[in-house]
């Protein structure tokens, strides 16, 4: 209980000097530092992906098996990890107590706020083996799929797979016919933003001079 209360009081926390993330114990900080050192000793036998600790590898193996044991009681979404379920539940609760002092944007988790502030400071503490760096750990994880060849986002209409969730959503518009990007001048709609920009350059050239 004493350790848990540190989350609320902010006292006696172990802080990462490289990104500012806080931990209630030294063990958590030590495990986190592997993010920056890029040490990943636990390897998946089914793919080339590696992990910082054994529990993360176990969770990853569940994803290969398709095991999603944790269900949201407010919608039909299921998750491999209970931590993912907890994060998802905040979407329903709409609780965002952590506010950025620079732009006013609010977040449900303090860690997410700290990563967001990297955008303002230009800090990119999450570094890939290829040398590319990122402001947020989630962006690094998404990027690393290019190297591993992992394409976890699969289209339910045609079976095509993608590295990124955004790419899948863009692709699905081919099947759904959705065109969310509308020209403010003539009202014509497009499935993809680049197509709208090309259209505007032709019909509204003064905007691009």
Foldseek 3Di string as FASTA:
>chain_A
DVLVCCVVVVPPWDADPQQGDTHSDPVVVVLVCCQQVVDFPAADPVFGDGHSDDVVNVLVVCVVVVDFPAADPVDGDTHSDVVVVVQVVCVVVVDFPAAAPPPGDTHNDPSVNSLVCCVVVVRFRRADPVGDTHSDPVVVVLVCCVVRVDFPAAAPPPGDTHSDPVVNQLVCCVVVVDFPAADPPPGDTHSDPVVNVVVCCVVPVVVVD
